[in-house]
Amino acid sequence: MEQEQTDNKYLLLDFWEFAIISTLVVVFFPWSLLFSVVVYGLDSTKLLIFALLHDAIKTLFAIISVVISIGVIIAALVWLFG
């Protein structure tokens, strides 16, 4: 898995570059992937999709951890002061 991440050039981009690319891919969804396949090839498009999925999973876990943390804090406050 570690070797796959070092080979994926999209995972090595900084935050703003990847944010711009992922925003463009999502906004122009079907056409952006078609453009990527035609211009950059199928392998580069696969790497882009894997990087987008990797970022989406990390974002989902971050959101879940924040929601659980807030829920635990609220439950503790209700239990202490309720």
C-alpha atoms as a PDB file:
ATOM      1  CA  MET A   1       0.000   0.000   0.000  1.00  0.00           C
ATOM      2  CA  GLU A   2       2.857   2.373   0.837  1.00  0.00           C
ATOM      3  CA  GLN A   3       4.490   1.750  -2.558  1.00  0.00           C
ATOM      4  CA  GLU A   4       1.179   2.538  -4.280  1.00  0.00           C
ATOM      5  CA  GLN A   5       0.925   5.885  -2.481  1.00  0.00           C
ATOM      6  CA  THR A   6       4.442   6.924  -3.476  1.00  0.00           C
ATOM      7  CA  ASP A   7       3.697   6.041  -7.105  1.00  0.00           C
ATOM      8  CA  ASN A   8       0.502   8.120  -7.200  1.00  0.00           C
ATOM      9  CA  LYS A   9       1.500  11.629  -8.228  1.00  0.00           C
ATOM     10  CA  TYR A  10      -1.870  13.031  -7.157  1.00  0.00           C
ATOM     11  CA  LEU A  11      -1.331  11.985  -3.535  1.00  0.00           C
ATOM     12  CA  LEU A  12       1.911  13.973  -3.513  1.00  0.00           C
ATOM     13  CA  LEU A  13       0.253  17.280  -4.431  1.00  0.00           C
ATOM     14  CA  ASP A  14      -0.098  19.980  -1.819  1.00  0.00           C
ATOM     15  CA  PHE A  15      -3.491  20.902  -0.382  1.00  0.00           C
ATOM     16  CA  TRP A  16      -4.441  23.741  -2.745  1.00  0.00           C
ATOM     17  CA  GLU A  17      -3.361  22.004  -5.955  1.00  0.00           C
ATOM     18  CA  PHE A  18      -5.311  18.867  -5.083  1.00  0.00           C
ATOM     19  CA  ALA A  19      -8.303  20.932  -3.904  1.00  0.00           C
ATOM     20  CA  ILE A  20      -8.461  22.705  -7.264  1.00  0.00           C
ATOM     21  CA  ILE A  21      -8.131  19.469  -9.233  1.00  0.00           C
ATOM     22  CA  SER A  22     -10.708  17.612  -7.166  1.00  0.00           C
ATOM     23  CA  THR A  23     -13.146  20.529  -7.352  1.00  0.00           C
ATOM     24  CA  LEU A  24     -12.855  20.645 -11.137  1.00  0.00           C
ATOM     25  CA  VAL A  25     -13.323  16.889 -11.394  1.00  0.00           C
ATOM     26  CA  VAL A  26     -16.440  16.953  -9.220  1.00  0.00           C
ATOM     27  CA  VAL A  27     -18.000  20.026 -10.859  1.00  0.00           C
ATOM     28  CA  PHE A  28     -17.484  18.754 -14.402  1.00  0.00           C
ATOM     29  CA  PHE A  29     -17.882  15.105 -13.365  1.00  0.00           C
ATOM     30  CA  PRO A  30     -18.568  13.032 -16.435  1.00  0.00           C
ATOM     31  CA  TRP A  31     -16.670  15.291 -18.815  1.00  0.00           C
ATOM     32  CA  SER A  32     -13.624  15.698 -16.586  1.00  0.00           C
ATOM     33  CA  LEU A  33     -13.003  11.961 -16.463  1.00  0.00           C
ATOM     34  CA  LEU A  34     -13.494  11.658 -20.198  1.00  0.00           C
ATOM     35  CA  PHE A  35     -11.054  14.535 -20.726  1.00  0.00           C
ATOM     36  CA  SER A  36      -8.560  12.906 -18.370  1.00  0.00           C
ATOM     37  CA  VAL A  37      -8.771   9.561 -20.172  1.00  0.00           C
ATOM     38  CA  VAL A  38      -8.331  11.142 -23.605  1.00  0.00           C
ATOM     39  CA  VAL A  39      -5.566  13.600 -22.694  1.00  0.00           C
ATOM     40  CA  TYR A  40      -3.638  11.868 -19.877  1.00  0.00           C
ATOM     41  CA  GLY A  41      -4.490   8.219 -20.431  1.00  0.00           C
ATOM     42  CA  LEU A  42      -6.300   5.537 -18.498  1.00  0.00           C
ATOM     43  CA  ASP A  43      -3.526   4.913 -15.945  1.00  0.00           C
ATOM     44  CA  SER A  44      -3.346   8.559 -14.895  1.00  0.00           C
ATOM     45  CA  THR A  45      -7.147   8.695 -14.650  1.00  0.00           C
ATOM     46  CA  LYS A  46      -7.134   5.629 -12.387  1.00  0.00           C
ATOM     47  CA  LEU A  47      -4.565   7.296 -10.143  1.00  0.00           C
ATOM     48  CA  LEU A  48      -6.730  10.423 -10.010  1.00  0.00           C
ATOM     49  CA  ILE A  49      -9.814   8.419  -9.035  1.00  0.00           C
ATOM     50  CA  PHE A  50      -7.875   6.531  -6.345  1.00  0.00           C
ATOM     51  CA  ALA A  51      -6.555   9.827  -4.959  1.00  0.00           C
ATOM     52  CA  LEU A  52     -10.074  11.289  -4.893  1.00  0.00           C
ATOM     53  CA  LEU A  53     -11.408   8.214  -3.079  1.00  0.00           C
ATOM     54  CA  HIS A  54      -8.484   8.305  -0.642  1.00  0.00           C
ATOM     55  CA  ASP A  55      -9.212  11.961   0.129  1.00  0.00           C
ATOM     56  CA  ALA A  56     -12.952  11.328   0.482  1.00  0.00           C
ATOM     57  CA  ILE A  57     -12.377   8.488   2.956  1.00  0.00           C
ATOM     58  CA  LYS A  58      -9.983  10.617   5.030  1.00  0.00           C
ATOM     59  CA  THR A  59     -12.500  13.467   5.036  1.00  0.00           C
ATOM     60  CA  LEU A  60     -15.332  11.123   6.049  1.00  0.00           C
ATOM     61  CA  PHE A  61     -13.295   9.750   8.962  1.00  0.00           C
ATOM     62  CA  ALA A  62     -12.420  13.292  10.080  1.00  0.00           C
ATOM     63  CA  ILE A  63     -16.092  14.320  10.037  1.00  0.00           C
ATOM     64  CA  ILE A  64     -17.133  11.182  11.919  1.00  0.00           C
ATOM     65  CA  SER A  65     -14.467  11.731  14.576  1.00  0.00           C
ATOM     66  CA  VAL A  66     -15.548  15.353  15.098  1.00  0.00           C
ATOM     67  CA  VAL A  67     -19.221  14.374  15.365  1.00  0.00           C
ATOM     68  CA  ILE A  68     -18.423  11.584  17.847  1.00  0.00           C
ATOM     69  CA  SER A  69     -16.231  13.936  19.902  1.00  0.00           C
ATOM     70  CA  ILE A  70     -18.954  16.587  20.063  1.00  0.00           C
ATOM     71  CA  GLY A  71     -21.506  13.902  20.959  1.00  0.00           C
ATOM     72  CA  VAL A  72     -19.338  12.611  23.804  1.00  0.00           C
ATOM     73  CA  ILE A  73     -18.787  16.142  25.137  1.00  0.00           C
ATOM     74  CA  ILE A  74     -22.512  16.918  25.017  1.00  0.00           C
ATOM     75  CA  ALA A  75     -23.376  13.594  26.686  1.00  0.00           C
ATOM     76  CA  ALA A  76     -20.800  14.260  29.425  1.00  0.00           C
ATOM     77  CA  LEU A  77     -22.136  17.766  30.018  1.00  0.00           C
ATOM     78  CA  VAL A  78     -25.729  16.505  30.189  1.00  0.00           C
ATOM     79  CA  TRP A  79     -24.697  13.744  32.584  1.00  0.00           C
ATOM     80  CA  LEU A  80     -22.739  16.145  34.837  1.00  0.00           C
ATOM     81  CA  PHE A  81     -25.164  19.057  34.888  1.00  0.00           C
ATOM     82  CA  GLY A  82     -28.427  17.355  34.013  1.00  0.00           C
END
